[in-house]
All heavy atoms as atom14 arrays in JSON, in Angstrom:
{
  "sequence": "AIVDEVARSGAQALKLQTYRADTITIDVDGPAFRVSDDHSLWGGE",
  "atom14_mask": [
    [1, 1, 1, 1, 1, 0, 0, 0, 0, 0, 0, 0, 0, 0],
    [1, 1, 1, 1, 1, 1, 1, 1, 0, 0, 0, 0, 0, 0],
    [1, 1, 1, 1, 1, 1, 1, 0, 0, 0, 0, 0, 0, 0],
    [1, 1, 1, 1, 1, 1, 1, 1, 0, 0, 0, 0, 0, 0],
    [1, 1, 1, 1, 1, 1, 1, 1, 1, 0, 0, 0, 0, 0],
    [1, 1, 1, 1, 1, 1, 1, 0, 0, 0, 0, 0, 0, 0],
    [1, 1, 1, 1, 1, 0, 0, 0, 0, 0, 0, 0, 0, 0],
    [1, 1, 1, 1, 1, 1, 1, 1, 1, 1, 1, 0, 0, 0],
    [1, 1, 1, 1, 1, 1, 0, 0, 0, 0, 0, 0, 0, 0],
    [1, 1, 1, 1, 0, 0, 0, 0, 0, 0, 0, 0, 0, 0],
    [1, 1, 1, 1, 1, 0, 0, 0, 0, 0, 0, 0, 0, 0],
    [1, 1, 1, 1, 1, 1, 1, 1, 1, 0, 0, 0, 0, 0],
    [1, 1, 1, 1, 1, 0, 0, 0, 0, 0, 0, 0, 0, 0],
    [1, 1, 1, 1, 1, 1, 1, 1, 0, 0, 0, 0, 0, 0],
    [1, 1, 1, 1, 1, 1, 1, 1, 1, 0, 0, 0, 0, 0],
    [1, 1, 1, 1, 1, 1, 1, 1, 0, 0, 0, 0, 0, 0],
    [1, 1, 1, 1, 1, 1, 1, 1, 1, 0, 0, 0, 0, 0],
    [1, 1, 1, 1, 1, 1, 1, 0, 0, 0, 0, 0, 0, 0],
    [1, 1, 1, 1, 1, 1, 1, 1, 1, 1, 1, 1, 0, 0],
    [1, 1, 1, 1, 1, 1, 1, 1, 1, 1, 1, 0, 0, 0],
    [1, 1, 1, 1, 1, 0, 0, 0, 0, 0, 0, 0, 0, 0],
    [1, 1, 1, 1, 1, 1, 1, 1, 0, 0, 0, 0, 0, 0],
    [1, 1, 1, 1, 1, 1, 1, 0, 0, 0, 0, 0, 0, 0],
    [1, 1, 1, 1, 1, 1, 1, 1, 0, 0, 0, 0, 0, 0],
    [1, 1, 1, 1, 1, 1, 1, 0, 0, 0, 0, 0, 0, 0],
    [1, 1, 1, 1, 1, 1, 1, 1, 0, 0, 0, 0, 0, 0],
    [1, 1, 1, 1, 1, 1, 1, 1, 0, 0, 0, 0, 0, 0],
    [1, 1, 1, 1, 1, 1, 1, 0, 0, 0, 0, 0, 0, 0],
    [1, 1, 1, 1, 1, 1, 1, 1, 0, 0, 0, 0, 0, 0],
    [1, 1, 1, 1, 0, 0, 0, 0, 0, 0, 0, 0, 0, 0],
    [1, 1, 1, 1, 1, 1, 1, 0, 0, 0, 0, 0, 0, 0],
    [1, 1, 1, 1, 1, 0, 0, 0, 0, 0, 0, 0, 0, 0],
    [1, 1, 1, 1, 1, 1, 1, 1, 1, 1, 1, 0, 0, 0],
    [1, 1, 1, 1, 1, 1, 1, 1, 1, 1, 1, 0, 0, 0],
    [1, 1, 1, 1, 1, 1, 1, 0, 0, 0, 0, 0, 0, 0],
    [1, 1, 1, 1, 1, 1, 0, 0, 0, 0, 0, 0, 0, 0],
    [1, 1, 1, 1, 1, 1, 1, 1, 0, 0, 0, 0, 0, 0],
    [1, 1, 1, 1, 1, 1, 1, 1, 0, 0, 0, 0, 0, 0],
    [1, 1, 1, 1, 1, 1, 1, 1, 1, 1, 0, 0, 0, 0],
    [1, 1, 1, 1, 1, 1, 0, 0, 0, 0, 0, 0, 0, 0],
    [1, 1, 1, 1, 1, 1, 1, 1, 0, 0, 0, 0, 0, 0],
    [1, 1, 1, 1, 1, 1, 1, 1, 1, 1, 1, 1, 1, 1],
    [1, 1, 1, 1, 0, 0, 0, 0, 0, 0, 0, 0, 0, 0],
    [1, 1, 1, 1, 0, 0, 0, 0, 0, 0, 0, 0, 0, 0],
    [1, 1, 1, 1, 1, 1, 1, 1, 1, 0, 0, 0, 0, 0]
  ],
  "atom14_positions": [
    [[108.85, 97.88, 85.64], [110.04, 98.77, 85.98], [110.1, 99.06, 87.39], [111.13, 99.0, 88.0], [109.68, 100.15, 85.36], [0.0, 0.0, 0.0], [0.0, 0.0, 0.0], [0.0, 0.0, 0.0], [0.0, 0.0, 0.0], [0.0, 0.0, 0.0], [0.0, 0.0, 0.0], [0.0, 0.0, 0.0], [0.0, 0.0, 0.0], [0.0, 0.0, 0.0]],
    [[108.99, 98.89, 88.12], [109.03, 98.94, 89.63], [109.8, 97.7, 90.09], [110.6, 97.76, 91.09], [107.56, 99.01, 90.18], [107.02, 100.44, 89.94], [107.56, 98.8, 91.8], [105.59, 100.59, 90.39], [0.0, 0.0, 0.0], [0.0, 0.0, 0.0], [0.0, 0.0, 0.0], [0.0, 0.0, 0.0], [0.0, 0.0, 0.0], [0.0, 0.0, 0.0]],
    [[109.44, 96.49, 89.62], [110.1, 95.31, 90.04], [111.68, 95.47, 89.71], [112.47, 95.17, 90.71], [109.67, 94.09, 89.16], [110.49, 92.83, 89.52], [108.11, 93.78, 89.44], [0.0, 0.0, 0.0], [0.0, 0.0, 0.0], [0.0, 0.0, 0.0], [0.0, 0.0, 0.0], [0.0, 0.0, 0.0], [0.0, 0.0, 0.0], [0.0, 0.0, 0.0]],
    [[112.13, 96.03, 88.69], [113.5, 96.28, 88.38], [114.19, 97.09, 89.46], [115.24, 96.86, 89.97], [113.7, 96.8, 87.05], [113.23, 95.86, 85.97], [113.05, 94.59, 86.16], [113.08, 96.33, 84.7], [0.0, 0.0, 0.0], [0.0, 0.0, 0.0], [0.0, 0.0, 0.0], [0.0, 0.0, 0.0], [0.0, 0.0, 0.0], [0.0, 0.0, 0.0]],
    [[113.47, 98.24, 89.74], [113.96, 99.1, 90.75], [114.09, 98.62, 92.16], [115.02, 98.81, 92.9], [113.14, 100.47, 90.76], [113.28, 101.25, 89.52], [114.67, 101.79, 89.13], [115.53, 101.81, 90.15], [114.99, 102.17, 88.16], [0.0, 0.0, 0.0], [0.0, 0.0, 0.0], [0.0, 0.0, 0.0], [0.0, 0.0, 0.0], [0.0, 0.0, 0.0]],
    [[113.14, 97.73, 92.47], [113.15, 97.17, 93.88], [114.3, 96.18, 93.89], [115.05, 96.11, 94.96], [111.79, 96.35, 94.12], [111.94, 95.5, 95.29], [110.66, 97.33, 94.28], [0.0, 0.0, 0.0], [0.0, 0.0, 0.0], [0.0, 0.0, 0.0], [0.0, 0.0, 0.0], [0.0, 0.0, 0.0], [0.0, 0.0, 0.0], [0.0, 0.0, 0.0]],
    [[114.58, 95.45, 92.83], [115.76, 94.59, 92.81], [116.99, 95.34, 93.0], [117.96, 94.96, 93.72], [115.73, 93.75, 91.56], [0.0, 0.0, 0.0], [0.0, 0.0, 0.0], [0.0, 0.0, 0.0], [0.0, 0.0, 0.0], [0.0, 0.0, 0.0], [0.0, 0.0, 0.0], [0.0, 0.0, 0.0], [0.0, 0.0, 0.0], [0.0, 0.0, 0.0]],
    [[117.14, 96.45, 92.32], [118.28, 97.32, 92.33], [118.55, 97.84, 93.75], [119.71, 98.14, 94.24], [118.32, 98.38, 91.44], [118.48, 98.05, 89.8], [118.65, 99.19, 88.97], [118.45, 98.8, 87.64], [117.37, 98.95, 86.88], [116.35, 99.6, 87.35], [117.36, 98.57, 85.58], [0.0, 0.0, 0.0], [0.0, 0.0, 0.0], [0.0, 0.0, 0.0]],
    [[117.48, 98.13, 94.51], [117.53, 98.7, 95.78], [118.29, 97.91, 96.88], [118.64, 98.51, 97.85], [116.11, 99.14, 96.24], [115.42, 97.93, 96.75], [0.0, 0.0, 0.0], [0.0, 0.0, 0.0], [0.0, 0.0, 0.0], [0.0, 0.0, 0.0], [0.0, 0.0, 0.0], [0.0, 0.0, 0.0], [0.0, 0.0, 0.0], [0.0, 0.0, 0.0]],
    [[118.27, 96.67, 96.72], [118.77, 95.76, 97.78], [117.71, 95.29, 98.7], [117.98, 94.44, 99.56], [0.0, 0.0, 0.0], [0.0, 0.0, 0.0], [0.0, 0.0, 0.0], [0.0, 0.0, 0.0], [0.0, 0.0, 0.0], [0.0, 0.0, 0.0], [0.0, 0.0, 0.0], [0.0, 0.0, 0.0], [0.0, 0.0, 0.0], [0.0, 0.0, 0.0]],
    [[116.37, 95.62, 98.52], [115.34, 95.12, 99.18], [115.2, 93.53, 99.0], [115.46, 93.15, 97.92], [114.02, 95.8, 98.92], [0.0, 0.0, 0.0], [0.0, 0.0, 0.0], [0.0, 0.0, 0.0], [0.0, 0.0, 0.0], [0.0, 0.0, 0.0], [0.0, 0.0, 0.0], [0.0, 0.0, 0.0], [0.0, 0.0, 0.0], [0.0, 0.0, 0.0]],
    [[114.82, 92.84, 99.96], [114.62, 91.32, 99.83], [113.4, 90.93, 99.18], [113.43, 89.91, 98.4], [114.88, 90.65, 101.12], [116.25, 90.76, 101.82], [116.18, 91.85, 102.95], [115.45, 93.04, 102.67], [116.73, 91.67, 104.0], [0.0, 0.0, 0.0], [0.0, 0.0, 0.0], [0.0, 0.0, 0.0], [0.0, 0.0, 0.0], [0.0, 0.0, 0.0]],
    [[112.34, 91.68, 99.26], [111.06, 91.21, 98.86], [110.15, 92.25, 98.08], [110.23, 93.46, 98.36], [110.22, 90.67, 99.93], [0.0, 0.0, 0.0], [0.0, 0.0, 0.0], [0.0, 0.0, 0.0], [0.0, 0.0, 0.0], [0.0, 0.0, 0.0], [0.0, 0.0, 0.0], [0.0, 0.0, 0.0], [0.0, 0.0, 0.0], [0.0, 0.0, 0.0]],
    [[109.4, 91.73, 97.27], [108.41, 92.59, 96.47], [107.02, 92.03, 96.88], [106.77, 90.76, 96.84], [108.6, 92.52, 95.09], [107.5, 93.2, 94.16], [107.61, 94.59, 94.18], [107.55, 92.52, 92.66], [0.0, 0.0, 0.0], [0.0, 0.0, 0.0], [0.0, 0.0, 0.0], [0.0, 0.0, 0.0], [0.0, 0.0, 0.0], [0.0, 0.0, 0.0]],
    [[106.08, 92.95, 97.26], [104.75, 92.49, 97.58], [103.67, 93.04, 96.67], [103.72, 94.24, 96.39], [104.36, 92.76, 98.94], [103.16, 92.05, 99.51], [102.79, 92.43, 100.88], [102.04, 93.82, 100.98], [100.64, 93.68, 100.41], [0.0, 0.0, 0.0], [0.0, 0.0, 0.0], [0.0, 0.0, 0.0], [0.0, 0.0, 0.0], [0.0, 0.0, 0.0]],
    [[102.76, 92.24, 96.22], [101.61, 92.75, 95.61], [100.27, 92.76, 96.35], [100.38, 92.23, 97.55], [101.33, 91.87, 94.3], [102.65, 91.57, 93.41], [102.19, 90.61, 92.28], [103.11, 92.91, 92.81], [0.0, 0.0, 0.0], [0.0, 0.0, 0.0], [0.0, 0.0, 0.0], [0.0, 0.0, 0.0], [0.0, 0.0, 0.0], [0.0, 0.0, 0.0]],
    [[99.15, 93.13, 95.76], [97.85, 92.94, 96.46], [97.11, 92.13, 95.36], [96.95, 92.65, 94.31], [97.24, 94.25, 96.69], [98.03, 95.07, 97.92], [97.27, 96.22, 98.31], [96.23, 96.56, 97.84], [97.98, 96.93, 99.33], [0.0, 0.0, 0.0], [0.0, 0.0, 0.0], [0.0, 0.0, 0.0], [0.0, 0.0, 0.0], [0.0, 0.0, 0.0]],
    [[96.38, 91.19, 95.88], [95.65, 90.26, 95.0], [94.17, 90.35, 95.27], [93.72, 89.75, 96.2], [96.14, 88.89, 95.02], [97.64, 88.77, 94.65], [95.51, 88.05, 94.02], [0.0, 0.0, 0.0], [0.0, 0.0, 0.0], [0.0, 0.0, 0.0], [0.0, 0.0, 0.0], [0.0, 0.0, 0.0], [0.0, 0.0, 0.0], [0.0, 0.0, 0.0]],
    [[93.46, 91.16, 94.32], [92.07, 91.31, 94.55], [91.55, 91.86, 93.16], [92.26, 92.29, 92.39], [91.66, 92.14, 95.72], [91.97, 93.64, 95.59], [91.35, 94.56, 94.81], [93.24, 94.08, 96.09], [91.81, 95.85, 94.58], [93.73, 95.37, 95.9], [92.89, 96.27, 95.17], [93.31, 97.61, 94.99], [0.0, 0.0, 0.0], [0.0, 0.0, 0.0]],
    [[90.25, 91.72, 93.02], [89.5, 92.3, 92.05], [88.46, 93.26, 92.78], [88.18, 93.0, 93.88], [88.81, 91.53, 90.9], [89.79, 90.61, 90.1], [88.97, 89.9, 89.1], [87.94, 89.01, 89.53], [88.22, 87.68, 89.73], [89.32, 87.14, 89.28], [87.21, 86.96, 90.36], [0.0, 0.0, 0.0], [0.0, 0.0, 0.0], [0.0, 0.0, 0.0]],
    [[87.94, 94.18, 92.07], [86.94, 95.11, 92.72], [85.89, 94.33, 93.29], [85.37, 94.63, 94.31], [86.56, 96.2, 91.78], [0.0, 0.0, 0.0], [0.0, 0.0, 0.0], [0.0, 0.0, 0.0], [0.0, 0.0, 0.0], [0.0, 0.0, 0.0], [0.0, 0.0, 0.0], [0.0, 0.0, 0.0], [0.0, 0.0, 0.0], [0.0, 0.0, 0.0]],
    [[85.33, 93.33, 92.52], [84.27, 92.52, 92.94], [84.59, 91.4, 93.88], [83.66, 90.71, 94.4], [83.54, 92.0, 91.72], [84.28, 91.11, 90.87], [85.44, 90.87, 91.09], [83.76, 90.69, 89.82], [0.0, 0.0, 0.0], [0.0, 0.0, 0.0], [0.0, 0.0, 0.0], [0.0, 0.0, 0.0], [0.0, 0.0, 0.0], [0.0, 0.0, 0.0]],
    [[85.82, 91.24, 94.36], [86.16, 90.38, 95.32], [86.42, 91.03, 96.61], [86.62, 90.36, 97.71], [87.45, 89.43, 94.98], [88.56, 90.35, 95.02], [87.27, 88.72, 93.63], [0.0, 0.0, 0.0], [0.0, 0.0, 0.0], [0.0, 0.0, 0.0], [0.0, 0.0, 0.0], [0.0, 0.0, 0.0], [0.0, 0.0, 0.0], [0.0, 0.0, 0.0]],
    [[86.47, 92.36, 96.59], [86.81, 93.11, 97.82], [85.5, 94.05, 98.34], [85.39, 94.32, 99.4], [88.06, 93.98, 97.64], [88.69, 94.36, 98.98], [87.83, 95.15, 96.69], [90.07, 95.18, 98.81], [0.0, 0.0, 0.0], [0.0, 0.0, 0.0], [0.0, 0.0, 0.0], [0.0, 0.0, 0.0], [0.0, 0.0, 0.0], [0.0, 0.0, 0.0]],
    [[84.71, 94.33, 97.31], [83.49, 95.13, 97.69], [82.45, 94.7, 96.58], [82.64, 93.68, 95.81], [83.75, 96.55, 97.77], [82.62, 97.27, 98.25], [84.07, 97.06, 96.43], [0.0, 0.0, 0.0], [0.0, 0.0, 0.0], [0.0, 0.0, 0.0], [0.0, 0.0, 0.0], [0.0, 0.0, 0.0], [0.0, 0.0, 0.0], [0.0, 0.0, 0.0]],
    [[81.41, 95.4, 96.54], [80.25, 95.28, 95.37], [80.1, 96.58, 94.78], [80.44, 97.56, 95.45], [79.1, 94.71, 96.05], [78.48, 95.5, 97.14], [79.14, 93.33, 96.49], [77.13, 95.12, 97.7], [0.0, 0.0, 0.0], [0.0, 0.0, 0.0], [0.0, 0.0, 0.0], [0.0, 0.0, 0.0], [0.0, 0.0, 0.0], [0.0, 0.0, 0.0]],
    [[79.71, 96.51, 93.66], [79.37, 97.69, 92.83], [78.08, 98.49, 93.27], [77.06, 98.23, 92.56], [79.33, 97.35, 91.26], [79.43, 98.59, 90.44], [79.62, 99.72, 91.02], [79.31, 98.44, 89.16], [0.0, 0.0, 0.0], [0.0, 0.0, 0.0], [0.0, 0.0, 0.0], [0.0, 0.0, 0.0], [0.0, 0.0, 0.0], [0.0, 0.0, 0.0]],
    [[78.17, 99.18, 94.37], [77.03, 99.79, 94.92], [77.45, 101.32, 95.36], [78.6, 101.35, 95.9], [76.46, 99.13, 96.18], [75.53, 100.03, 96.9], [75.81, 97.76, 95.77], [0.0, 0.0, 0.0], [0.0, 0.0, 0.0], [0.0, 0.0, 0.0], [0.0, 0.0, 0.0], [0.0, 0.0, 0.0], [0.0, 0.0, 0.0], [0.0, 0.0, 0.0]],
    [[76.84, 102.21, 95.1], [77.08, 103.59, 95.59], [76.24, 103.97, 96.7], [75.24, 103.28, 97.09], [76.82, 104.62, 94.39], [77.76, 105.68, 94.48], [78.49, 105.76, 95.57], [77.72, 106.63, 93.72], [0.0, 0.0, 0.0], [0.0, 0.0, 0.0], [0.0, 0.0, 0.0], [0.0, 0.0, 0.0], [0.0, 0.0, 0.0], [0.0, 0.0, 0.0]],
    [[76.69, 105.0, 97.49], [76.03, 105.48, 98.63], [77.14, 105.74, 99.77], [78.22, 105.27, 99.56], [0.0, 0.0, 0.0], [0.0, 0.0, 0.0], [0.0, 0.0, 0.0], [0.0, 0.0, 0.0], [0.0, 0.0, 0.0], [0.0, 0.0, 0.0], [0.0, 0.0, 0.0], [0.0, 0.0, 0.0], [0.0, 0.0, 0.0], [0.0, 0.0, 0.0]],
    [[76.69, 106.5, 100.68], [77.7, 107.03, 101.81], [78.55, 105.76, 102.31], [79.79, 105.94, 102.55], [76.84, 107.61, 102.8], [75.67, 107.99, 102.17], [75.3, 106.96, 101.02], [0.0, 0.0, 0.0], [0.0, 0.0, 0.0], [0.0, 0.0, 0.0], [0.0, 0.0, 0.0], [0.0, 0.0, 0.0], [0.0, 0.0, 0.0], [0.0, 0.0, 0.0]],
    [[77.91, 104.64, 102.57], [78.7, 103.58, 103.17], [79.7, 102.99, 102.22], [80.7, 102.49, 102.76], [77.78, 102.46, 103.58], [0.0, 0.0, 0.0], [0.0, 0.0, 0.0], [0.0, 0.0, 0.0], [0.0, 0.0, 0.0], [0.0, 0.0, 0.0], [0.0, 0.0, 0.0], [0.0, 0.0, 0.0], [0.0, 0.0, 0.0], [0.0, 0.0, 0.0]],
    [[79.55, 103.26, 101.04], [80.51, 102.58, 99.96], [81.28, 103.72, 99.37], [81.79, 103.53, 98.25], [79.7, 101.9, 98.88], [79.15, 100.57, 99.35], [77.97, 100.53, 100.03], [79.85, 99.35, 99.19], [77.38, 99.32, 100.57], [79.39, 98.25, 99.59], [78.11, 98.15, 100.3], [0.0, 0.0, 0.0], [0.0, 0.0, 0.0], [0.0, 0.0, 0.0]],
    [[81.55, 104.86, 100.01], [82.33, 105.93, 99.66], [83.37, 106.26, 100.75], [82.98, 106.2, 101.9], [81.58, 107.14, 99.33], [80.86, 107.08, 97.93], [80.18, 108.36, 97.56], [79.67, 108.23, 96.07], [80.4, 108.59, 95.07], [81.63, 109.03, 95.18], [79.81, 108.34, 93.87], [0.0, 0.0, 0.0], [0.0, 0.0, 0.0], [0.0, 0.0, 0.0]],
    [[84.56, 106.6, 100.34], [85.6, 107.06, 101.32], [85.05, 108.43, 101.86], [84.53, 109.24, 100.97], [86.92, 107.23, 100.65], [87.95, 107.66, 101.64], [87.33, 105.92, 100.1], [0.0, 0.0, 0.0], [0.0, 0.0, 0.0], [0.0, 0.0, 0.0], [0.0, 0.0, 0.0], [0.0, 0.0, 0.0], [0.0, 0.0, 0.0], [0.0, 0.0, 0.0]],
    [[85.26, 108.62, 103.14], [84.8, 109.96, 103.66], [85.31, 111.16, 102.95], [86.49, 111.15, 102.5], [85.21, 110.01, 105.24], [84.57, 108.97, 105.87], [0.0, 0.0, 0.0], [0.0, 0.0, 0.0], [0.0, 0.0, 0.0], [0.0, 0.0, 0.0], [0.0, 0.0, 0.0], [0.0, 0.0, 0.0], [0.0, 0.0, 0.0], [0.0, 0.0, 0.0]],
    [[84.52, 112.13, 102.83], [84.95, 113.33, 101.99], [86.2, 113.95, 102.55], [86.92, 114.57, 101.73], [83.8, 114.32, 102.03], [82.64, 113.92, 101.18], [82.77, 113.07, 100.32], [81.52, 114.43, 101.44], [0.0, 0.0, 0.0], [0.0, 0.0, 0.0], [0.0, 0.0, 0.0], [0.0, 0.0, 0.0], [0.0, 0.0, 0.0], [0.0, 0.0, 0.0]],
    [[86.5, 113.86, 103.86], [87.6, 114.63, 104.4], [88.95, 113.72, 104.26], [89.95, 114.26, 104.74], [87.33, 114.96, 105.94], [87.12, 113.89, 106.72], [87.08, 112.78, 106.21], [86.94, 114.02, 107.89], [0.0, 0.0, 0.0], [0.0, 0.0, 0.0], [0.0, 0.0, 0.0], [0.0, 0.0, 0.0], [0.0, 0.0, 0.0], [0.0, 0.0, 0.0]],
    [[88.89, 112.59, 103.66], [90.08, 111.88, 103.53], [91.08, 112.57, 102.55], [90.68, 112.99, 101.53], [89.82, 110.45, 102.9], [90.96, 109.45, 103.1], [91.98, 109.53, 102.2], [91.18, 108.47, 103.96], [92.89, 108.52, 102.53], [92.39, 107.89, 103.57], [0.0, 0.0, 0.0], [0.0, 0.0, 0.0], [0.0, 0.0, 0.0], [0.0, 0.0, 0.0]],
    [[92.37, 112.61, 103.02], [93.37, 113.43, 102.26], [93.67, 112.98, 100.93], [94.08, 113.83, 100.03], [94.62, 113.51, 103.17], [95.29, 112.35, 103.27], [0.0, 0.0, 0.0], [0.0, 0.0, 0.0], [0.0, 0.0, 0.0], [0.0, 0.0, 0.0], [0.0, 0.0, 0.0], [0.0, 0.0, 0.0], [0.0, 0.0, 0.0], [0.0, 0.0, 0.0]],
    [[93.42, 111.74, 100.64], [93.92, 111.12, 99.37], [92.72, 110.66, 98.45], [92.63, 111.02, 97.23], [94.86, 109.89, 99.58], [96.22, 110.13, 100.01], [97.05, 108.91, 100.01], [96.9, 111.24, 99.27], [0.0, 0.0, 0.0], [0.0, 0.0, 0.0], [0.0, 0.0, 0.0], [0.0, 0.0, 0.0], [0.0, 0.0, 0.0], [0.0, 0.0, 0.0]],
    [[91.81, 110.0, 99.2], [90.73, 109.35, 98.45], [89.32, 109.9, 98.7], [88.29, 109.17, 98.48], [90.79, 107.8, 98.57], [92.18, 107.28, 98.31], [93.02, 107.52, 97.38], [92.85, 106.38, 99.29], [94.21, 106.92, 97.51], [94.12, 106.18, 98.72], [92.52, 105.82, 100.42], [95.11, 105.29, 99.3], [93.41, 104.97, 101.12], [94.65, 104.74, 100.51]],
    [[89.32, 111.09, 99.28], [88.04, 111.68, 99.71], [86.86, 111.51, 98.67], [87.07, 112.03, 97.66], [0.0, 0.0, 0.0], [0.0, 0.0, 0.0], [0.0, 0.0, 0.0], [0.0, 0.0, 0.0], [0.0, 0.0, 0.0], [0.0, 0.0, 0.0], [0.0, 0.0, 0.0], [0.0, 0.0, 0.0], [0.0, 0.0, 0.0], [0.0, 0.0, 0.0]],
    [[85.73, 111.0, 99.14], [84.53, 110.95, 98.24], [84.62, 109.86, 97.21], [83.58, 109.66, 96.46], [0.0, 0.0, 0.0], [0.0, 0.0, 0.0], [0.0, 0.0, 0.0], [0.0, 0.0, 0.0], [0.0, 0.0, 0.0], [0.0, 0.0, 0.0], [0.0, 0.0, 0.0], [0.0, 0.0, 0.0], [0.0, 0.0, 0.0], [0.0, 0.0, 0.0]],
    [[85.73, 109.13, 97.08], [85.75, 108.15, 96.02], [84.82, 106.81, 96.38], [84.85, 106.44, 97.51], [87.09, 107.66, 95.69], [88.04, 108.67, 95.15], [89.02, 108.11, 94.22], [88.65, 107.07, 93.38], [90.15, 108.53, 94.22], [0.0, 0.0, 0.0], [0.0, 0.0, 0.0], [0.0, 0.0, 0.0], [0.0, 0.0, 0.0], [0.0, 0.0, 0.0]]
  ]
}
């Protein structure tokens, strides 16, 4: 549905992001692997 709406808008291009969780990071927890708590959208994730 997003593709359809982009086409209707007149924009020339659609862009995706191509990754899997394990190709962009590793499944480890801890402060270094968490978004800072004060982040407005993803704090603590």
